[in-house]
Protein backbone atom coordinates (compact mmCIF):
# COMPACT_ATOMS: atom_id res chain seq x y z
CA MET A 1 21.20 -8.33 -5.25
CA ASN A 2 23.27 -10.09 -2.67
CA ASP A 3 24.32 -14.21 -4.02
CA LEU A 4 25.94 -14.80 -0.98
CA PRO A 5 24.17 -18.14 0.90
CA ALA A 6 21.97 -17.01 4.19
CA MET A 7 23.50 -17.73 7.29
CA ASP A 8 22.11 -16.86 10.62
CA ASP A 9 23.86 -15.53 13.33
CA ASP A 10 23.99 -18.97 15.54
CA GLY A 11 25.19 -21.04 12.37
CA LEU A 12 28.21 -18.31 11.87
CA LEU A 13 29.03 -18.25 16.09
CA ASP A 14 28.91 -22.23 15.58
CA ALA A 15 31.46 -22.22 12.42
CA TYR A 16 33.61 -19.71 14.52
CA SER A 17 33.73 -21.70 18.06
CA ARG A 18 34.03 -25.18 15.72
CA THR A 19 36.98 -23.61 14.49
CA VAL A 20 38.84 -22.04 17.35
CA MET A 21 38.07 -25.40 19.48
CA ALA A 22 39.92 -27.28 16.81
CA VAL A 23 42.88 -25.21 16.78
CA ALA A 24 42.85 -25.42 20.67
CA THR A 25 42.82 -29.14 21.09
CA ARG A 26 45.21 -29.82 18.71
CA VAL A 27 47.68 -26.64 19.51
CA LEU A 28 47.27 -26.55 23.03
CA PRO A 29 49.26 -29.91 24.27
CA SER A 30 52.30 -28.20 22.59
CA VAL A 31 52.14 -24.94 24.24
CA ALA A 32 53.87 -25.16 27.67
CA SER A 33 53.75 -22.95 30.64
CA VAL A 34 57.42 -21.66 31.58
CA SER A 35 58.71 -20.70 34.89
CA VAL A 36 62.05 -18.59 34.85
CA ARG A 37 64.30 -18.03 38.09
CA SER A 38 67.02 -15.72 37.38
CA ALA A 39 69.51 -12.60 39.66
CA ARG A 40 66.26 -10.62 38.10
CA GLY A 41 64.19 -12.34 39.75
CA ALA A 42 61.32 -14.93 39.22
CA GLY A 43 58.86 -14.46 35.78
CA SER A 44 56.59 -16.49 33.84
CA GLY A 45 55.67 -17.06 29.98
CA SER A 46 54.97 -19.51 27.50
CA ALA A 47 56.35 -21.55 25.22
CA SER A 48 55.77 -24.15 22.17
CA VAL A 49 57.76 -27.46 21.26
CA ILE A 50 58.69 -27.14 17.63
CA THR A 51 60.60 -30.84 16.98
CA ARG A 52 60.08 -34.21 18.11
CA ASP A 53 63.62 -34.10 19.81
CA GLY A 54 62.52 -31.40 22.57
CA PHE A 55 63.32 -27.99 20.68
CA LEU A 56 60.67 -25.09 22.52
CA LEU A 57 60.22 -21.62 20.80
CA THR A 58 59.57 -18.53 22.99
CA SER A 59 60.13 -14.93 23.66
CA ALA A 60 63.85 -13.69 24.17
CA HIS A 61 62.26 -11.31 27.49
CA VAL A 62 60.84 -14.63 28.54
CA VAL A 63 63.99 -16.41 29.66
CA ALA A 64 66.63 -12.84 29.87
CA GLY A 65 69.33 -13.72 32.48
CA ALA A 66 68.13 -17.40 32.74
CA ASN A 67 70.15 -20.42 31.72
CA SER A 68 67.10 -22.88 32.24
CA ALA A 69 63.43 -22.42 33.37
CA GLU A 70 60.71 -24.92 34.05
CA ALA A 71 58.20 -26.00 31.48
CA ALA A 72 54.98 -27.32 31.97
CA PHE A 73 52.38 -28.89 29.89
CA SER A 74 48.68 -29.17 29.74
CA ASP A 75 48.60 -32.86 30.56
CA GLY A 76 50.59 -32.32 33.77
CA THR A 77 53.82 -33.24 32.65
CA THR A 78 56.42 -31.01 33.69
CA THR A 79 60.41 -30.68 32.00
CA GLN A 80 63.82 -28.58 33.11
CA VAL A 81 64.56 -26.64 29.68
CA ASP A 82 68.06 -25.27 29.03
CA VAL A 83 68.03 -22.30 27.27
CA VAL A 84 70.08 -23.16 23.93
CA GLY A 85 70.12 -19.43 22.50
CA ARG A 86 68.43 -16.09 22.75
CA ASP A 87 68.61 -12.98 20.05
CA THR A 88 67.16 -9.91 21.63
CA LEU A 89 67.23 -8.21 18.24
CA SER A 90 63.94 -10.79 17.13
CA ASP A 91 62.75 -11.20 20.54
CA LEU A 92 62.99 -15.14 19.87
CA ALA A 93 64.77 -17.74 22.19
CA VAL A 94 65.24 -21.50 21.45
CA LEU A 95 65.01 -24.14 24.78
CA HIS A 96 65.81 -27.64 24.90
CA ALA A 97 63.98 -30.07 27.13
CA ARG A 98 65.62 -32.72 29.16
CA GLY A 99 62.68 -35.04 29.58
CA PRO A 100 60.06 -36.08 27.13
CA VAL A 101 57.92 -33.28 25.34
CA PRO A 102 54.23 -33.31 23.58
CA HIS A 103 54.10 -33.47 19.73
CA PRO A 104 54.93 -30.23 17.82
CA VAL A 105 53.00 -27.63 16.95
CA GLU A 106 53.26 -27.22 12.83
CA LEU A 107 54.98 -24.12 11.90
CA GLY A 108 52.94 -22.00 9.59
CA ASP A 109 54.24 -18.79 7.27
CA ALA A 110 52.94 -15.36 8.20
CA SER A 111 53.24 -13.71 4.59
CA HIS A 112 50.41 -15.80 3.79
CA LEU A 113 48.04 -14.00 6.46
CA HIS A 114 45.32 -11.59 5.39
CA VAL A 115 44.12 -8.60 7.39
CA GLY A 116 40.87 -9.66 8.98
CA GLN A 117 41.41 -13.22 9.13
CA VAL A 118 40.88 -15.69 12.22
CA VAL A 119 43.86 -16.36 14.45
CA VAL A 120 44.04 -17.84 18.19
CA ALA A 121 46.34 -17.01 20.75
CA LEU A 122 47.59 -19.81 23.05
CA GLY A 123 49.43 -19.51 26.07
CA ASN A 124 49.32 -19.08 29.75
CA PRO A 125 48.29 -15.71 30.94
CA LEU A 126 48.55 -14.14 34.51
CA GLY A 127 49.54 -17.75 35.74
CA LEU A 128 46.25 -19.24 33.85
CA ALA A 129 47.48 -21.92 32.49
CA GLY A 130 45.62 -23.15 28.90
CA SER A 131 44.27 -20.14 28.01
CA VAL A 132 42.74 -19.53 24.43
CA THR A 133 41.84 -16.35 22.89
CA ALA A 134 40.61 -15.31 19.11
CA GLY A 135 40.40 -12.84 17.43
CA ILE A 136 41.39 -11.54 13.97
CA VAL A 137 44.31 -10.04 12.01
CA SER A 138 43.75 -6.32 12.91
CA ALA A 139 46.96 -5.16 10.95
CA LEU A 140 50.57 -6.87 9.17
CA GLY A 141 53.64 -5.06 9.10
CA ARG A 142 53.58 -3.09 12.20
CA SER A 143 57.62 -2.61 13.42
CA LEU A 144 58.49 -3.22 17.43
CA PRO A 145 61.28 -1.61 19.17
CA THR A 146 62.75 -4.29 21.58
CA GLN A 147 64.99 -3.73 24.54
CA SER A 148 67.56 -3.63 22.21
CA GLY A 149 66.82 -0.38 21.07
CA ARG A 150 66.32 -2.25 17.71
CA VAL A 151 63.21 -2.86 15.35
CA ILE A 152 61.23 -5.96 14.94
CA ASP A 153 59.81 -5.91 11.57
CA GLU A 154 56.77 -7.43 9.86
CA VAL A 155 55.13 -7.70 13.06
CA ILE A 156 51.43 -9.19 13.58
CA GLN A 157 48.66 -7.06 15.48
CA THR A 158 45.77 -8.71 16.50
CA ASP A 159 42.68 -8.23 18.60
CA ALA A 160 42.86 -11.19 20.77
CA ALA A 161 43.48 -10.61 23.86
CA LEU A 162 47.11 -10.91 25.44
CA ASN A 163 48.32 -10.49 29.03
CA PRO A 164 51.61 -11.02 30.60
CA GLY A 165 52.38 -14.70 30.86
CA ASN A 166 51.06 -15.13 26.98
CA SER A 167 54.33 -13.90 25.49
CA GLY A 168 56.21 -16.74 24.13
CA GLY A 169 53.05 -18.88 23.10
CA VAL A 170 51.39 -19.57 19.68
CA LEU A 171 49.43 -17.20 17.57
CA SER A 172 47.64 -19.80 15.24
CA ASP A 173 45.83 -19.64 11.99
CA SER A 174 42.23 -21.53 11.60
CA ALA A 175 43.92 -24.56 10.79
CA GLY A 176 46.44 -25.03 13.49
CA ARG A 177 49.43 -23.41 12.29
CA MET A 178 51.98 -21.57 14.35
CA VAL A 179 52.15 -18.45 12.52
CA GLY A 180 53.50 -15.91 15.19
CA VAL A 181 55.20 -16.10 18.66
CA ASN A 182 52.48 -13.93 21.08
CA THR A 183 54.41 -11.14 23.00
CA ALA A 184 52.68 -8.97 25.70
CA VAL A 185 55.50 -6.39 26.14
CA ALA A 186 53.31 -3.80 24.04
CA GLY A 187 50.88 -3.50 27.01
CA ILE A 188 47.38 -4.83 27.66
CA GLY A 189 45.11 -4.36 24.62
CA VAL A 190 47.72 -4.26 22.00
CA GLY A 191 47.98 -7.96 20.40
CA LEU A 192 51.27 -8.41 18.51
CA ALA A 193 53.11 -11.16 17.66
CA VAL A 194 56.37 -11.59 16.25
CA PRO A 195 55.90 -13.68 12.41
CA ILE A 196 57.18 -17.33 11.68
CA ASN A 197 58.39 -16.60 8.05
CA ALA A 198 61.60 -17.40 5.98
CA THR A 199 63.51 -14.77 8.05
CA THR A 200 62.50 -15.72 11.52
CA ARG A 201 62.76 -19.36 10.61
CA GLU A 202 66.96 -19.09 9.59
CA ILE A 203 67.19 -17.33 12.78
CA ILE A 204 65.27 -20.42 14.82
CA THR A 205 67.63 -22.52 12.83
CA ALA A 206 70.86 -20.61 13.67
CA LEU A 207 69.98 -20.63 17.67
CA MET A 208 69.06 -24.05 17.59
CA THR A 209 72.43 -24.95 16.05
CA LYS A 210 74.68 -22.42 16.69
CA GLY A 211 72.95 -21.00 20.02
CA ARG A 212 73.30 -17.68 18.14
CA MET A 213 72.19 -14.82 15.44
CA ARG A 214 75.41 -13.20 14.05
CA ARG A 215 74.62 -9.92 12.70
CA ALA A 216 76.94 -7.14 10.83
CA TRP A 217 77.31 -3.31 12.81
CA LEU A 218 77.54 -0.30 11.00
CA GLY A 219 77.19 1.94 14.07
CA ILE A 220 74.91 4.51 12.68
CA ALA A 221 71.88 6.00 13.60
CA GLY A 222 69.09 7.94 11.39
CA ALA A 223 65.76 9.05 10.11
CA GLN A 224 64.15 8.90 7.14
CA VAL A 225 63.81 12.59 5.09
CA PRO A 226 62.03 13.61 2.51
CA LEU A 227 64.64 15.16 -0.35
CA SER A 228 65.02 17.86 -2.68
CA PRO A 229 63.04 17.39 -6.46
CA GLU A 230 66.35 17.16 -7.62
CA LEU A 231 67.80 14.36 -5.52
CA ALA A 232 64.95 12.09 -5.47
CA ALA A 233 64.80 12.30 -9.32
CA ARG A 234 68.85 11.48 -9.37
CA ILE A 235 68.47 8.27 -7.09
CA GLY A 236 65.02 7.55 -7.86
CA SER A 237 63.32 7.96 -4.36
CA PRO A 238 62.15 10.64 -2.57
CA THR A 239 63.54 10.09 0.74
CA GLY A 240 66.71 8.93 2.74
CA LEU A 241 68.39 8.36 5.36
CA GLN A 242 69.88 11.44 7.62
CA VAL A 243 72.55 10.35 9.53
CA ALA A 244 71.60 11.68 13.45
CA GLY A 245 74.57 9.92 15.01
CA VAL A 246 77.89 7.96 14.09
CA SER A 247 79.25 5.48 17.05
CA PRO A 248 83.03 6.71 18.41
CA GLY A 249 85.34 4.35 16.68
CA SER A 250 82.07 1.86 14.53
CA PRO A 251 83.16 0.88 10.97
CA ALA A 252 80.80 4.21 10.05
CA ALA A 253 83.33 6.89 11.70
CA GLU A 254 86.07 4.75 10.04
CA ALA A 255 84.62 5.31 7.24
CA GLY A 256 84.46 8.62 7.24
CA LEU A 257 80.77 9.21 7.49
CA ARG A 258 79.18 12.49 9.72
CA ARG A 259 76.20 13.40 11.06
CA GLY A 260 74.00 15.44 8.96
CA ASP A 261 74.93 12.86 5.98
CA ILE A 262 72.25 11.47 4.15
CA VAL A 263 72.84 7.93 2.87
CA VAL A 264 70.93 6.84 0.03
CA GLU A 265 72.80 3.62 -0.91
CA LEU A 266 74.80 0.74 0.71
CA ALA A 267 76.06 -2.35 -0.83
CA GLY A 268 74.51 -1.47 -4.51
CA LYS A 269 70.95 -1.28 -2.90
CA GLN A 270 68.89 1.96 -1.91
CA VAL A 271 68.03 2.78 1.64
CA VAL A 272 66.34 5.13 2.98
CA THR A 273 65.07 3.90 6.64
CA ALA A 274 67.33 2.43 9.39
CA THR A 275 65.43 -0.68 9.04
CA ALA A 276 66.67 -0.79 5.37
CA VAL A 277 69.94 -0.73 7.05
CA GLN A 278 69.47 -3.18 9.40
CA GLN A 279 67.64 -5.76 7.18
CA LEU A 280 71.48 -5.40 4.95
CA MET A 281 73.67 -6.14 8.19
CA VAL A 282 73.46 -10.19 7.86
CA GLU A 283 76.09 -12.71 9.13
CA ASP A 284 77.71 -12.52 5.35
CA ALA A 285 78.19 -8.53 5.55
CA ILE A 286 80.27 -9.26 8.53
CA ASP A 287 84.50 -7.92 7.36
CA LYS A 288 83.60 -7.65 4.16
CA PRO A 289 83.86 -4.34 1.93
CA ILE A 290 81.00 -2.70 1.08
CA GLU A 291 80.33 0.82 -0.28
CA ILE A 292 77.75 3.40 1.04
CA THR A 293 76.81 6.33 -1.04
CA VAL A 294 75.87 9.44 0.80
CA TRP A 295 74.50 13.23 -0.02
CA ARG A 296 77.05 15.91 1.81
CA ASN A 297 77.37 19.28 0.80
CA GLY A 298 75.31 19.00 -2.44
CA ALA A 299 77.10 16.04 -3.60
CA LEU A 300 76.96 12.47 -3.46
CA VAL A 301 80.06 11.14 -1.98
CA ASP A 302 81.26 7.44 -2.14
CA ALA A 303 83.22 5.57 0.88
CA ILE A 304 83.96 2.42 1.40
CA THR A 305 82.62 0.44 5.02
CA VAL A 306 83.99 -2.90 6.61
CA PRO A 307 81.10 -3.68 9.05
CA ARG A 308 82.04 -5.76 11.99
CA GLU A 309 80.38 -8.66 14.05
CA LEU A 310 77.47 -7.09 16.23
CA ASP A 311 78.40 -7.87 19.85
CA GLU A 312 74.78 -7.80 21.92
CA SER A 313 76.43 -7.93 25.40
């Protein structure tokens, strides 16, 4: 027997509409339409105010090649914004307004999201300012390849409609908290957002204070492969990262890593995917010797490598 309280379709629609309208009322004033001109030509996207002193958050690809842009808000005010810092590896960029801005959006935490939860996307798709679409969280933990060839982890997938111009806009939960930065690079019909979580908050802070996010670089490319039952039992994992290529002159090359090696441990931590390596290549790893363990010719081989700072240029 169903013990849930009865609610007709009209009641459900009314509740849904009230939620979306409340989010729009709260968040839209903080969302800007961004117009960019650079050597690559003219472009547009969205951004959101994240601090009272004029910092805005957008997608790195929205302001690629530009040092400044124009931001227009729903109340009709416009202001020039300077690109303070961008991080192509997370596809995030921070801007700073030269003039006054509306109140900031409240930052939430995407790690608290659940599949099926209602979310609202706010931005300026196809030049249509102040657009709002709503949907649900379709999936969590997606991976999004970036133009740099790296991968953004823990990406949010939603069925809220996103189109060109939505990139850099807000993905909000039902309480009006920003839980993601929308991106339309995946194509029409696929809604993805870079999450707001502990990791991306660190990136945003680094961009605001230093203008960039420092990362370490090892210089290997690889793919996850299954291991033999004997090796899997020995290292405690059914898979490892098989090296498909080593960049000439890279820290990995200097440590003697070669194509065909299977990486199983790095800096004392189990490594089975390229993403796992990427997560360890943080600022603190730059210029510090770390041990790397690989399976080669039927034996586990240890080597010492010294990651260098990644040059995004």
